[in-house]
Amino acid sequence: MVIKILKTILDDNCIYVMKEIVFSDSKTLQDALQESKIMARVTHRNICRYRDTIVQKNKLFIVMEYCDKGDLG
């Protein structure tokens, strides 16, 4: 699931999205954390910019910049 948010913690008034990953075991959590680490290192004009990772209970959220020109899904 992807959630569109206005992130007010940053004072830039930008729109961001949060990719929600539900995990039920440590392997799924480790895979999600690996995806997050890769996103944090990638810089390319055709890839949404990574902003943050949040873990709450059995969910991991990857916060990225919002791209309003569509998606690949």
N, C-alpha and C. Protein backbone atom coordinates (compact mmCIF):
# COMPACT_ATOMS: atom_id res chain seq x y z
N MET A 1 0.84 -1.17 0.00
CA MET A 1 0.00 0.00 0.00
C MET A 1 0.89 1.24 0.00
N VAL A 2 0.50 2.26 -0.75
CA VAL A 2 1.23 3.53 -0.77
C VAL A 2 0.28 4.61 -0.29
N ILE A 3 0.73 5.42 0.64
CA ILE A 3 -0.08 6.46 1.26
C ILE A 3 0.51 7.82 0.91
N LYS A 4 -0.31 8.73 0.40
CA LYS A 4 0.13 10.08 0.08
C LYS A 4 0.02 10.93 1.34
N ILE A 5 1.09 11.64 1.69
CA ILE A 5 1.09 12.44 2.92
C ILE A 5 1.68 13.82 2.67
N LEU A 6 1.34 14.73 3.52
CA LEU A 6 2.03 16.01 3.60
C LEU A 6 2.93 15.91 4.80
N LYS A 7 4.20 15.96 4.60
CA LYS A 7 5.14 15.80 5.71
C LYS A 7 5.49 17.16 6.25
N THR A 8 5.04 17.45 7.44
CA THR A 8 5.26 18.76 8.02
C THR A 8 6.48 18.80 8.94
N ILE A 9 7.08 17.65 9.23
CA ILE A 9 8.28 17.64 10.06
C ILE A 9 9.39 18.40 9.35
N LEU A 10 9.48 18.21 8.04
CA LEU A 10 10.42 18.99 7.25
C LEU A 10 9.74 20.32 6.94
N ASP A 11 10.45 21.38 6.98
CA ASP A 11 9.84 22.68 6.73
C ASP A 11 9.89 23.06 5.26
N ASP A 12 9.65 22.09 4.38
CA ASP A 12 9.72 22.39 2.95
C ASP A 12 8.36 22.36 2.27
N ASN A 13 7.29 22.04 3.01
CA ASN A 13 5.92 22.01 2.49
C ASN A 13 5.77 21.15 1.25
N CYS A 14 6.55 20.10 1.14
CA CYS A 14 6.46 19.19 0.00
C CYS A 14 5.50 18.05 0.30
N ILE A 15 5.09 17.37 -0.75
CA ILE A 15 4.22 16.20 -0.63
C ILE A 15 5.09 14.96 -0.75
N TYR A 16 4.87 14.00 0.14
CA TYR A 16 5.63 12.76 0.13
C TYR A 16 4.67 11.58 0.11
N VAL A 17 5.19 10.42 -0.19
CA VAL A 17 4.42 9.18 -0.11
C VAL A 17 5.12 8.26 0.87
N MET A 18 4.33 7.39 1.48
CA MET A 18 4.89 6.37 2.36
C MET A 18 4.50 5.01 1.80
N LYS A 19 5.50 4.21 1.49
CA LYS A 19 5.27 2.84 1.07
C LYS A 19 5.18 2.01 2.33
N GLU A 20 4.05 1.31 2.51
CA GLU A 20 3.84 0.50 3.71
C GLU A 20 4.18 -0.96 3.41
N ILE A 21 5.05 -1.52 4.24
CA ILE A 21 5.42 -2.93 4.10
C ILE A 21 5.09 -3.61 5.42
N VAL A 22 4.17 -4.57 5.38
CA VAL A 22 3.79 -5.31 6.57
C VAL A 22 4.69 -6.54 6.66
N PHE A 23 5.29 -6.75 7.83
CA PHE A 23 6.16 -7.92 7.98
C PHE A 23 5.67 -8.79 9.13
N SER A 24 5.81 -10.10 8.95
CA SER A 24 5.38 -11.05 9.98
C SER A 24 6.54 -11.88 10.50
N ASP A 25 7.71 -11.71 9.89
CA ASP A 25 8.88 -12.46 10.35
C ASP A 25 10.13 -11.61 10.14
N SER A 26 11.23 -12.06 10.72
CA SER A 26 12.46 -11.26 10.65
C SER A 26 13.02 -11.18 9.24
N LYS A 27 12.80 -12.20 8.41
CA LYS A 27 13.29 -12.18 7.02
C LYS A 27 12.62 -11.06 6.24
N THR A 28 11.31 -10.94 6.36
CA THR A 28 10.59 -9.87 5.66
C THR A 28 11.04 -8.51 6.15
N LEU A 29 11.25 -8.37 7.45
CA LEU A 29 11.75 -7.10 8.01
C LEU A 29 13.13 -6.79 7.45
N GLN A 30 14.03 -7.76 7.44
CA GLN A 30 15.38 -7.54 6.93
C GLN A 30 15.36 -7.16 5.44
N ASP A 31 14.48 -7.80 4.65
CA ASP A 31 14.35 -7.46 3.24
C ASP A 31 13.86 -6.02 3.07
N ALA A 32 12.89 -5.63 3.88
CA ALA A 32 12.36 -4.26 3.81
C ALA A 32 13.42 -3.24 4.22
N LEU A 33 14.18 -3.55 5.26
CA LEU A 33 15.26 -2.65 5.68
C LEU A 33 16.34 -2.55 4.60
N GLN A 34 16.60 -3.65 3.93
CA GLN A 34 17.58 -3.63 2.83
C GLN A 34 17.08 -2.74 1.69
N GLU A 35 15.79 -2.85 1.35
CA GLU A 35 15.22 -1.97 0.32
C GLU A 35 15.37 -0.51 0.73
N SER A 36 15.11 -0.22 1.98
CA SER A 36 15.23 1.14 2.49
C SER A 36 16.66 1.65 2.37
N LYS A 37 17.63 0.82 2.73
CA LYS A 37 19.04 1.22 2.65
C LYS A 37 19.46 1.48 1.20
N ILE A 38 18.99 0.65 0.29
CA ILE A 38 19.30 0.85 -1.13
C ILE A 38 18.69 2.16 -1.62
N MET A 39 17.41 2.40 -1.28
CA MET A 39 16.75 3.64 -1.69
C MET A 39 17.49 4.86 -1.17
N ALA A 40 18.02 4.77 0.04
CA ALA A 40 18.73 5.91 0.64
C ALA A 40 20.01 6.24 -0.12
N ARG A 41 20.63 5.24 -0.75
CA ARG A 41 21.89 5.46 -1.47
C ARG A 41 21.70 5.86 -2.93
N VAL A 42 20.54 5.55 -3.50
CA VAL A 42 20.33 5.78 -4.93
C VAL A 42 20.02 7.25 -5.20
N THR A 43 20.73 7.81 -6.16
CA THR A 43 20.43 9.17 -6.62
C THR A 43 20.36 9.14 -8.14
N HIS A 44 19.18 9.34 -8.66
CA HIS A 44 18.99 9.35 -10.11
C HIS A 44 17.75 10.19 -10.40
N ARG A 45 17.78 10.93 -11.48
CA ARG A 45 16.66 11.83 -11.81
C ARG A 45 15.37 11.08 -12.10
N ASN A 46 15.44 9.79 -12.44
CA ASN A 46 14.24 9.01 -12.75
C ASN A 46 13.77 8.14 -11.59
N ILE A 47 14.35 8.32 -10.41
CA ILE A 47 13.96 7.54 -9.23
C ILE A 47 13.55 8.51 -8.13
N CYS A 48 12.40 8.24 -7.52
CA CYS A 48 11.92 9.10 -6.43
C CYS A 48 12.94 9.15 -5.31
N ARG A 49 13.12 10.32 -4.75
CA ARG A 49 14.13 10.53 -3.72
C ARG A 49 13.65 10.00 -2.37
N TYR A 50 14.49 9.24 -1.72
CA TYR A 50 14.22 8.69 -0.39
C TYR A 50 14.31 9.80 0.65
N ARG A 51 13.42 9.74 1.67
CA ARG A 51 13.46 10.74 2.74
C ARG A 51 13.64 10.13 4.12
N ASP A 52 12.99 8.98 4.40
CA ASP A 52 13.03 8.46 5.77
C ASP A 52 12.50 7.03 5.80
N THR A 53 12.80 6.32 6.90
CA THR A 53 12.23 5.00 7.17
C THR A 53 11.66 5.03 8.58
N ILE A 54 10.45 4.49 8.72
CA ILE A 54 9.77 4.46 10.01
C ILE A 54 9.33 3.02 10.26
N VAL A 55 9.62 2.49 11.44
CA VAL A 55 9.17 1.15 11.82
C VAL A 55 8.22 1.29 12.99
N GLN A 56 7.01 0.73 12.84
CA GLN A 56 6.02 0.74 13.91
C GLN A 56 5.37 -0.63 13.97
N LYS A 57 5.49 -1.28 15.11
CA LYS A 57 4.93 -2.62 15.34
C LYS A 57 5.36 -3.55 14.22
N ASN A 58 4.42 -4.04 13.40
CA ASN A 58 4.77 -4.99 12.33
C ASN A 58 4.75 -4.32 10.95
N LYS A 59 4.98 -3.01 10.91
CA LYS A 59 4.96 -2.28 9.64
C LYS A 59 6.23 -1.44 9.50
N LEU A 60 6.71 -1.37 8.28
CA LEU A 60 7.82 -0.50 7.94
C LEU A 60 7.33 0.45 6.86
N PHE A 61 7.60 1.72 7.02
CA PHE A 61 7.20 2.73 6.04
C PHE A 61 8.45 3.35 5.43
N ILE A 62 8.50 3.39 4.11
CA ILE A 62 9.57 4.08 3.41
C ILE A 62 8.97 5.38 2.87
N VAL A 63 9.50 6.50 3.33
CA VAL A 63 8.99 7.82 2.92
C VAL A 63 9.83 8.31 1.75
N MET A 64 9.14 8.67 0.65
CA MET A 64 9.80 9.13 -0.57
C MET A 64 9.10 10.38 -1.09
N GLU A 65 9.77 11.10 -1.96
CA GLU A 65 9.13 12.26 -2.57
C GLU A 65 7.98 11.79 -3.46
N TYR A 66 6.97 12.62 -3.58
CA TYR A 66 5.79 12.32 -4.39
C TYR A 66 6.04 12.73 -5.83
N CYS A 67 5.74 11.84 -6.75
CA CYS A 67 5.85 12.14 -8.19
C CYS A 67 4.46 12.12 -8.79
N ASP A 68 4.00 13.26 -9.26
CA ASP A 68 2.61 13.36 -9.71
C ASP A 68 2.39 13.00 -11.17
N LYS A 69 3.35 12.47 -11.85
CA LYS A 69 3.20 12.12 -13.26
C LYS A 69 2.84 10.65 -13.48
N GLY A 70 2.31 9.97 -12.45
CA GLY A 70 1.90 8.58 -12.61
C GLY A 70 2.83 7.64 -11.88
N ASP A 71 2.59 6.34 -12.11
CA ASP A 71 3.42 5.33 -11.46
C ASP A 71 3.63 4.17 -12.42
N LEU A 72 4.41 3.22 -11.97
CA LEU A 72 4.71 2.05 -12.81
C LEU A 72 3.78 0.89 -12.51
N GLY A 73 2.86 1.05 -11.54
CA GLY A 73 1.99 -0.05 -11.10
C GLY A 73 0.86 -0.33 -12.00
